[in-house]
Protein backbone atom coordinates (compact mmCIF):
# COMPACT_ATOMS: atom_id res chain seq x y z
CA MET A 1 -72.60 -5.13 31.15
CA GLU A 2 -73.41 -8.78 31.26
CA PHE A 3 -72.48 -9.21 27.75
CA ASP A 4 -68.66 -8.22 28.40
CA PHE A 5 -68.15 -11.60 29.44
CA LEU A 6 -68.73 -12.99 25.70
CA SER A 7 -65.94 -13.09 23.16
CA PRO A 8 -67.02 -12.16 19.45
CA LEU A 9 -66.33 -14.63 16.76
CA GLN A 10 -63.22 -14.75 15.03
CA ASN A 11 -62.56 -12.99 11.58
CA GLU A 12 -61.22 -16.35 9.88
CA PHE A 13 -64.12 -18.22 10.94
CA LEU A 14 -66.43 -15.38 9.89
CA GLU A 15 -64.74 -14.96 6.64
CA VAL A 16 -65.89 -18.77 5.68
CA VAL A 17 -69.61 -18.05 7.08
CA TYR A 18 -69.83 -14.98 4.88
CA LYS A 19 -69.27 -17.20 1.53
CA LEU A 20 -72.29 -19.31 2.39
CA ASP A 21 -75.16 -19.80 0.25
CA PRO A 22 -77.84 -17.33 1.01
CA GLN A 23 -79.96 -20.47 1.83
CA GLN A 24 -77.58 -21.86 4.37
CA LEU A 25 -78.44 -21.29 7.91
CA GLY A 26 -75.40 -19.28 8.52
CA SER A 27 -76.60 -16.72 5.93
CA LYS A 28 -79.70 -16.34 8.44
CA ILE A 29 -77.64 -15.93 11.30
CA VAL A 30 -76.82 -12.03 13.39
CA PHE A 31 -73.11 -12.83 14.82
CA HIS A 32 -71.52 -11.12 17.44
CA THR A 33 -68.47 -9.77 15.89
CA LYS A 34 -65.78 -7.19 16.94
CA ASP A 35 -67.43 -4.43 15.67
CA HIS A 36 -71.13 -5.18 15.77
CA PHE A 37 -73.40 -6.88 18.98
CA PRO A 38 -76.68 -8.26 17.77
CA ASP A 39 -79.71 -6.08 18.65
CA LEU A 40 -81.17 -8.69 20.99
CA ASN A 41 -84.87 -6.96 20.76
CA LYS A 42 -84.88 -8.87 17.53
CA VAL A 43 -83.58 -12.14 18.63
CA THR A 44 -85.60 -15.25 19.74
CA ILE A 45 -82.78 -17.90 19.88
CA ALA A 46 -79.25 -17.45 21.19
CA ILE A 47 -76.44 -19.53 20.72
CA VAL A 48 -73.46 -19.31 23.42
CA GLY A 49 -70.16 -21.19 23.71
CA VAL A 50 -68.44 -21.84 26.95
CA LEU A 51 -64.84 -22.76 26.16
CA ASP A 52 -64.18 -23.86 29.82
CA ASN A 53 -63.63 -27.93 30.02
CA ARG A 54 -62.05 -27.94 33.82
CA GLY A 55 -64.85 -29.76 35.20
CA HIS A 56 -63.97 -32.84 32.94
CA SER A 57 -61.35 -35.61 34.11
CA MET A 58 -59.82 -35.19 31.01
CA ALA A 59 -59.86 -31.63 30.77
CA ALA A 60 -58.74 -29.79 27.31
CA SER A 61 -59.02 -26.54 25.55
CA VAL A 62 -62.63 -26.30 24.06
CA ASP A 63 -62.84 -25.45 20.49
CA LEU A 64 -66.27 -25.04 18.75
CA THR A 65 -65.02 -23.94 15.44
CA ALA A 66 -66.12 -27.39 13.85
CA VAL A 67 -69.23 -27.27 15.37
CA ARG A 68 -70.25 -24.35 13.97
CA GLN A 69 -69.23 -24.48 10.66
CA GLU A 70 -71.46 -27.62 10.59
CA LEU A 71 -74.45 -26.51 11.96
CA TYR A 72 -73.96 -23.01 9.93
CA THR A 73 -73.74 -25.34 6.62
CA MET A 74 -76.87 -26.61 7.11
CA PHE A 75 -80.06 -25.72 5.67
CA PRO A 76 -83.02 -24.47 7.93
CA GLY A 77 -86.31 -25.54 7.88
CA ASN A 78 -88.88 -23.23 7.34
CA TRP A 79 -88.45 -21.18 10.48
CA ASP A 80 -89.08 -17.66 11.45
CA ALA A 81 -87.57 -17.39 14.56
CA SER A 82 -84.39 -15.04 14.48
CA ILE A 83 -81.05 -16.28 15.79
CA ALA A 84 -78.07 -14.55 16.83
CA ASP A 85 -74.42 -16.49 17.57
CA LEU A 86 -73.27 -14.00 20.67
CA GLY A 87 -69.79 -15.77 20.76
CA ASP A 88 -68.02 -17.71 23.32
CA ILE A 89 -67.37 -17.30 27.39
CA ALA A 90 -63.76 -17.58 27.96
CA ALA A 91 -62.54 -19.44 30.65
CA GLY A 92 -62.74 -17.64 34.03
CA ASN A 93 -59.71 -17.38 36.42
CA SER A 94 -61.61 -20.02 38.23
CA ILE A 95 -64.19 -22.09 37.53
CA ASP A 96 -66.55 -20.04 39.76
CA ASP A 97 -65.92 -17.04 37.36
CA SER A 98 -67.31 -19.45 34.56
CA TYR A 99 -70.38 -19.57 36.48
CA PHE A 100 -70.89 -16.31 37.53
CA ALA A 101 -70.64 -15.14 33.80
CA LEU A 102 -73.00 -18.04 32.56
CA LYS A 103 -75.27 -17.09 35.27
CA LYS A 104 -75.52 -13.24 34.29
CA ILE A 105 -75.94 -13.75 30.79
CA VAL A 106 -78.20 -16.92 30.72
CA ALA A 107 -80.57 -14.88 33.22
CA HIS A 108 -80.75 -11.87 30.80
CA LEU A 109 -81.42 -13.89 28.00
CA ILE A 110 -84.26 -15.63 29.40
CA LYS A 111 -85.67 -12.43 31.35
CA ASN A 112 -86.26 -11.00 27.59
CA ARG A 113 -87.58 -14.28 26.41
CA ILE A 114 -84.57 -15.36 24.46
CA ILE A 115 -83.86 -18.93 24.44
CA PRO A 116 -79.81 -19.45 25.04
CA ILE A 117 -78.58 -22.86 23.76
CA VAL A 118 -75.26 -23.03 25.51
CA ILE A 119 -72.48 -25.53 23.99
CA GLY A 120 -70.01 -26.20 26.21
CA GLY A 121 -67.24 -27.48 28.11
CA SER A 122 -67.51 -29.53 30.93
CA GLN A 123 -71.51 -30.61 32.07
CA ASP A 124 -70.79 -29.05 35.57
CA LEU A 125 -71.84 -25.74 33.64
CA THR A 126 -74.97 -26.73 34.31
CA TYR A 127 -75.06 -25.16 37.50
CA GLY A 128 -74.62 -21.83 35.86
CA LEU A 129 -77.84 -22.54 33.93
CA TYR A 130 -79.49 -23.36 37.11
CA ARG A 131 -77.87 -20.39 39.10
CA ALA A 132 -79.55 -18.62 36.18
CA TYR A 133 -83.04 -18.79 37.55
CA ASP A 134 -82.43 -17.41 40.94
CA GLU A 135 -84.06 -13.81 40.05
CA LEU A 136 -87.00 -15.38 38.48
CA GLU A 137 -88.51 -16.67 41.53
CA GLN A 138 -89.54 -19.63 40.27
CA MET A 139 -89.11 -23.36 41.19
CA VAL A 140 -86.97 -25.26 38.51
CA ASN A 141 -87.43 -28.47 36.72
CA LEU A 142 -84.25 -30.21 35.06
CA VAL A 143 -83.88 -32.79 32.64
CA ALA A 144 -80.71 -34.27 31.95
CA ILE A 145 -79.97 -36.75 28.98
CA ASP A 146 -77.15 -38.71 30.72
CA SER A 147 -75.89 -41.79 31.54
CA LYS A 148 -74.77 -41.19 35.15
CA PHE A 149 -76.44 -39.15 37.80
CA ASP A 150 -73.59 -36.93 38.61
CA PHE A 151 -73.99 -36.98 42.38
CA GLY A 152 -70.97 -36.17 44.44
CA LYS A 153 -69.63 -36.44 47.79
CA GLU A 154 -70.58 -33.13 49.70
CA ASN A 155 -67.27 -31.58 49.97
CA GLU A 156 -66.45 -32.88 46.80
CA ASN A 157 -64.99 -30.51 44.54
CA VAL A 158 -67.71 -29.72 41.78
CA SER A 159 -67.23 -31.31 38.52
CA ALA A 160 -68.72 -32.64 35.35
CA GLY A 161 -69.59 -35.98 37.60
CA SER A 162 -70.72 -34.22 40.83
CA TYR A 163 -72.17 -30.90 39.88
CA LEU A 164 -76.07 -32.42 40.88
CA THR A 165 -74.98 -32.58 44.58
CA LYS A 166 -74.00 -29.21 44.40
CA ILE A 167 -77.25 -27.98 42.77
CA ILE A 168 -79.19 -30.07 45.55
CA ILE A 169 -77.31 -28.47 48.59
CA ASP A 170 -76.55 -24.52 47.52
CA GLU A 171 -79.20 -22.23 48.58
CA PRO A 172 -80.97 -20.96 47.33
CA ASN A 173 -82.61 -24.02 46.50
CA ASN A 174 -85.11 -23.48 43.79
CA LEU A 175 -84.64 -27.25 41.79
CA PHE A 176 -88.48 -28.46 42.21
CA ASN A 177 -87.38 -31.82 40.22
CA TYR A 178 -84.73 -33.59 38.51
CA CYS A 179 -85.52 -36.07 35.91
CA ASN A 180 -82.53 -38.51 34.25
CA ILE A 181 -83.02 -39.62 30.97
CA GLY A 182 -81.09 -42.39 29.75
CA TYR A 183 -78.76 -43.54 32.64
CA GLN A 184 -76.92 -46.68 32.68
CA THR A 185 -77.25 -48.73 35.80
CA TYR A 186 -73.52 -50.20 35.77
CA TYR A 187 -72.42 -46.78 36.20
CA ASN A 188 -74.28 -45.87 38.96
CA SER A 189 -74.36 -46.91 42.66
CA GLN A 190 -77.28 -48.61 44.33
CA GLU A 191 -76.91 -45.82 47.01
CA GLU A 192 -77.29 -43.25 44.23
CA ILE A 193 -80.34 -44.93 42.19
CA ASP A 194 -82.18 -45.45 46.21
CA LEU A 195 -81.45 -41.24 46.82
CA ILE A 196 -83.01 -41.12 43.22
CA GLU A 197 -86.31 -42.30 44.71
CA LYS A 198 -85.78 -40.46 48.08
CA LEU A 199 -85.91 -37.42 46.82
CA PHE A 200 -88.79 -38.31 44.72
CA PHE A 201 -86.99 -37.82 41.38
CA ASP A 202 -87.24 -39.44 38.28
CA ALA A 203 -85.30 -41.36 36.42
CA TYR A 204 -85.60 -43.78 32.76
CA ARG A 205 -82.95 -46.23 31.98
CA LEU A 206 -81.45 -46.32 28.50
CA GLY A 207 -83.28 -49.13 27.51
CA GLU A 208 -86.85 -47.73 28.39
CA ILE A 209 -86.47 -44.77 26.56
CA SER A 210 -84.64 -46.25 23.27
CA ASN A 211 -87.87 -48.51 23.62
CA ASN A 212 -90.16 -46.11 23.58
CA LEU A 213 -89.29 -42.43 22.76
CA ALA A 214 -92.40 -41.26 23.17
CA LEU A 215 -91.85 -42.01 27.25
CA ALA A 216 -89.70 -38.77 27.33
CA GLU A 217 -92.10 -36.18 25.54
CA PRO A 218 -94.23 -35.43 28.80
CA VAL A 219 -90.75 -35.13 30.81
CA PHE A 220 -89.29 -32.92 28.54
CA ARG A 221 -93.16 -30.76 28.66
CA ASP A 222 -92.65 -29.94 32.13
CA ALA A 223 -88.59 -28.76 32.13
CA ASP A 224 -87.35 -25.64 32.44
CA ILE A 225 -83.45 -26.65 32.11
CA VAL A 226 -82.38 -29.39 29.46
CA SER A 227 -78.78 -30.62 29.81
CA LEU A 228 -77.31 -33.03 27.40
CA ASP A 229 -73.94 -35.16 28.18
CA LEU A 230 -72.63 -36.36 25.31
CA ASN A 231 -71.20 -39.32 26.58
CA ALA A 232 -74.89 -40.45 27.00
CA ILE A 233 -74.70 -41.01 23.27
CA LYS A 234 -72.93 -43.97 22.02
CA SER A 235 -69.20 -43.33 20.69
CA ALA A 236 -69.78 -45.20 17.27
CA ASP A 237 -72.61 -42.46 16.53
CA SER A 238 -71.10 -39.44 18.34
CA GLY A 239 -67.36 -40.18 17.12
CA ASN A 240 -66.35 -39.16 20.67
CA PHE A 241 -63.76 -41.93 21.34
CA SER A 242 -61.47 -40.02 23.80
CA SER A 243 -64.04 -41.14 26.22
CA PHE A 244 -65.37 -44.42 24.78
CA ALA A 245 -69.14 -45.23 25.15
CA PRO A 246 -69.76 -48.78 24.10
CA ASN A 247 -73.76 -47.95 24.69
CA GLY A 248 -75.87 -45.16 24.52
CA PHE A 249 -78.25 -43.37 22.40
CA ASN A 250 -78.18 -43.61 18.90
CA GLY A 251 -77.53 -40.72 16.24
CA LYS A 252 -81.51 -40.62 15.40
CA GLU A 253 -82.59 -41.02 19.26
CA ILE A 254 -80.52 -38.35 20.34
CA CYS A 255 -81.98 -35.68 17.74
CA SER A 256 -85.42 -37.11 18.57
CA LEU A 257 -85.06 -36.36 22.07
CA ALA A 258 -83.72 -32.63 21.24
CA ARG A 259 -86.84 -31.90 19.10
CA TYR A 260 -88.89 -33.24 22.14
CA ALA A 261 -86.91 -30.40 24.03
CA GLY A 262 -87.62 -27.72 21.57
CA ILE A 263 -91.11 -28.52 21.50
CA SER A 264 -91.55 -28.25 24.79
CA ASP A 265 -93.22 -25.27 25.83
CA LYS A 266 -91.97 -24.87 28.73
CA VAL A 267 -88.23 -25.10 28.05
CA SER A 268 -86.21 -22.05 28.57
CA SER A 269 -82.56 -23.02 27.89
CA PHE A 270 -80.58 -26.36 26.49
CA GLY A 271 -76.93 -26.84 27.07
CA ILE A 272 -74.94 -29.40 25.66
CA PHE A 273 -71.81 -30.22 27.16
CA ASN A 274 -68.96 -32.37 27.39
CA HIS A 275 -67.74 -31.61 23.91
CA ASP A 276 -64.02 -33.37 23.47
CA SER A 277 -63.39 -30.86 20.74
CA SER A 278 -63.06 -33.55 17.95
CA ALA A 279 -64.28 -32.73 14.62
CA GLN A 280 -66.09 -36.32 14.25
CA GLU A 281 -68.33 -34.94 17.23
CA ALA A 282 -69.15 -31.51 15.71
CA PRO A 283 -71.73 -33.24 12.81
CA LEU A 284 -73.85 -34.57 15.62
CA ILE A 285 -73.95 -31.63 17.84
CA ALA A 286 -75.10 -29.35 15.03
CA GLN A 287 -77.92 -31.77 14.08
CA ILE A 288 -78.87 -31.88 17.73
CA ILE A 289 -78.85 -28.00 17.54
CA TRP A 290 -80.76 -28.02 14.52
CA TYR A 291 -83.40 -30.45 15.65
CA PHE A 292 -83.74 -28.57 18.80
CA ILE A 293 -84.66 -25.61 16.96
CA GLU A 294 -86.62 -27.53 14.37
CA GLY A 295 -89.07 -28.16 17.76
CA PHE A 296 -88.97 -24.57 18.90
CA HIS A 297 -90.86 -23.65 15.68
CA TYR A 298 -93.58 -26.43 16.46
CA ARG A 299 -94.35 -24.80 19.87
CA SER A 300 -98.34 -24.58 20.45
CA ASN A 301 -98.06 -22.29 23.50
CA GLU A 302 -100.13 -24.67 25.62
CA TYR A 303 -100.06 -25.12 29.56
CA PRO A 304 -98.93 -22.96 31.35
CA PHE A 305 -98.98 -20.65 29.00
CA GLY A 306 -102.43 -21.31 27.42
CA SER A 307 -106.00 -21.42 29.17
CA ARG A 308 -107.46 -24.71 29.90
CA GLU A 309 -110.58 -23.96 28.46
CA ASN A 310 -109.57 -25.23 25.34
CA TYR A 311 -108.99 -28.58 27.28
CA ILE A 312 -111.42 -31.62 27.54
CA LYS A 313 -111.53 -32.43 31.26
CA TYR A 314 -111.77 -36.12 32.29
CA ILE A 315 -112.45 -37.25 36.22
CA VAL A 316 -111.21 -40.62 36.82
CA PRO A 317 -112.45 -41.94 40.27
CA SER A 318 -110.17 -44.45 42.25
CA GLU A 319 -110.12 -46.04 45.82
CA ASP A 320 -108.50 -42.97 47.74
CA GLU A 321 -108.02 -40.28 45.04
CA THR A 322 -110.14 -38.36 42.19
CA LEU A 323 -107.71 -38.05 39.10
CA VAL A 324 -108.14 -35.35 37.00
CA PHE A 325 -107.16 -35.16 33.59
CA PHE A 326 -107.04 -32.82 30.70
CA LYS A 327 -106.48 -33.48 27.13
CA SER A 328 -105.82 -30.49 24.22
CA ASP A 329 -107.68 -30.50 21.81
CA LYS A 330 -105.43 -28.64 19.64
CA THR A 331 -102.41 -31.21 20.17
CA ASP A 332 -104.40 -34.25 21.76
CA ARG A 333 -101.89 -34.04 24.72
CA TRP A 334 -102.32 -34.89 28.36
CA TRP A 335 -101.94 -33.11 31.63
CA ILE A 336 -102.79 -34.81 34.92
CA GLU A 337 -103.94 -32.02 37.95
CA ILE A 338 -101.92 -31.78 40.95
CA PRO A 339 -104.16 -30.78 43.70
CA PHE A 340 -102.98 -27.55 45.36
CA ILE A 341 -101.74 -27.85 49.09
CA SER A 342 -102.88 -24.29 50.53
CA ASN A 343 -99.34 -24.48 52.91
CA VAL A 344 -96.74 -24.74 50.06
CA ASN A 345 -94.69 -22.07 48.78
CA ASN A 346 -96.09 -19.61 46.04
CA LYS A 347 -93.67 -20.35 43.76
CA LEU A 348 -94.95 -24.14 43.25
CA LYS A 349 -98.17 -23.10 41.78
CA ARG A 350 -97.23 -23.25 38.25
CA ASN A 351 -96.92 -27.07 38.76
CA THR A 352 -100.60 -27.76 39.47
CA LEU A 353 -100.79 -29.45 35.94
CA LEU A 354 -98.36 -32.40 34.88
CA PRO A 355 -98.06 -33.10 31.59
CA CYS A 356 -98.79 -36.88 31.18
CA SER A 357 -99.51 -39.66 28.58
CA TYR A 358 -102.39 -41.02 27.47
CA ASP A 359 -100.91 -44.62 28.30
CA GLU A 360 -101.21 -43.07 32.45
CA TYR A 361 -104.52 -42.05 31.69
CA LEU A 362 -105.66 -45.35 30.67
CA GLY A 363 -103.52 -46.71 33.72
CA ALA A 364 -105.46 -44.63 35.72
CA CYS A 365 -108.49 -45.63 34.20
CA ASN A 366 -107.49 -49.42 35.45
CA GLN A 367 -106.62 -48.10 39.16
CA GLU A 368 -103.45 -47.47 38.67
CA LEU A 369 -101.97 -44.47 40.02
CA PRO A 370 -99.21 -42.31 37.53
CA GLU A 371 -95.79 -42.86 39.35
CA ARG A 372 -94.73 -39.14 38.61
CA TRP A 373 -97.93 -37.69 39.65
CA TRP A 374 -97.63 -39.54 42.90
CA LYS A 375 -93.78 -38.29 43.25
CA ALA A 376 -95.14 -34.45 42.52
CA GLN A 377 -97.75 -35.20 45.08
CA ARG A 378 -95.19 -35.99 47.91
CA LYS A 379 -92.80 -33.05 47.22
CA ASN A 380 -95.87 -30.53 47.21
CA THR A 381 -96.83 -31.88 50.87
CA VAL A 382 -93.07 -32.04 52.13
């Protein structure tokens, strides 16, 4: 069974958790112990650790004890979701073994409508998350919160800094869109930046998002996988000084982004990677997880799960195109329609509405085509 790959939580850790106040989060979590595995029929969110850091240039053993202690001593919001901690995936004999174990576990969880929160290890474990969607017969949208694009050479061994190339090249290729949030230009070659454009992917610079965090909300609304590189957070806020980052998102910003990811009706897996296993970094990781779960409890089950009947339709004519927008009368969020191309793979049908912002609607009224709409349109025709 898939869950044979998971190791239970240690008794020493559980003894600490069992002494927590009944109001603290740890008293409301179901744990994978030596004698008990959670009943997944009663679980909505599952926390999974992956103790493999071989893809990182500063590889070291992964210890998630401090993260769990910080998280479980917090107090939950007004939550009703059942949360389970399924323990850890130990490092396999090879990195491919770790990818395989993560793939099987995450695929099982997603099929059973359980959202996995994966805490790693090196960020190349995102590849295991991506491969979990192979059996779901759908195209996948990946959003990475990262200061780098993580491209590598075609024959290069996969690592935290090159996993994206493996995702793009390997078959079956189910990647419809990749979006980077928070890249820092001086960490990425012009060739890589040009490649993002050539592939019709999306990328937002750190300063662009920091100046207006709301830009990221429609991006998360269209994501299936969200992968967070903790090195995208500046070290002064993260506490990670082993790989020092003078610039990056601050603690408040990264928690806001995690909440946007959680509130997205479409995000079905969330990964937090490149943890340096220091106790200093643990509090912020715990708060990121807390905000993701908080966001999850404010999901509104709109598109693609709801009906368009509850939307106000706006038609915006332009010189070359007639753009069709939809506004939810429930949340005031916006979508733009991508005309369906008959000869396109059926797996793309669910992308016929693209989340957008009110500002993009206003821009369209001034004859400015939304860039993300244009890129999605191009991908639908190639």
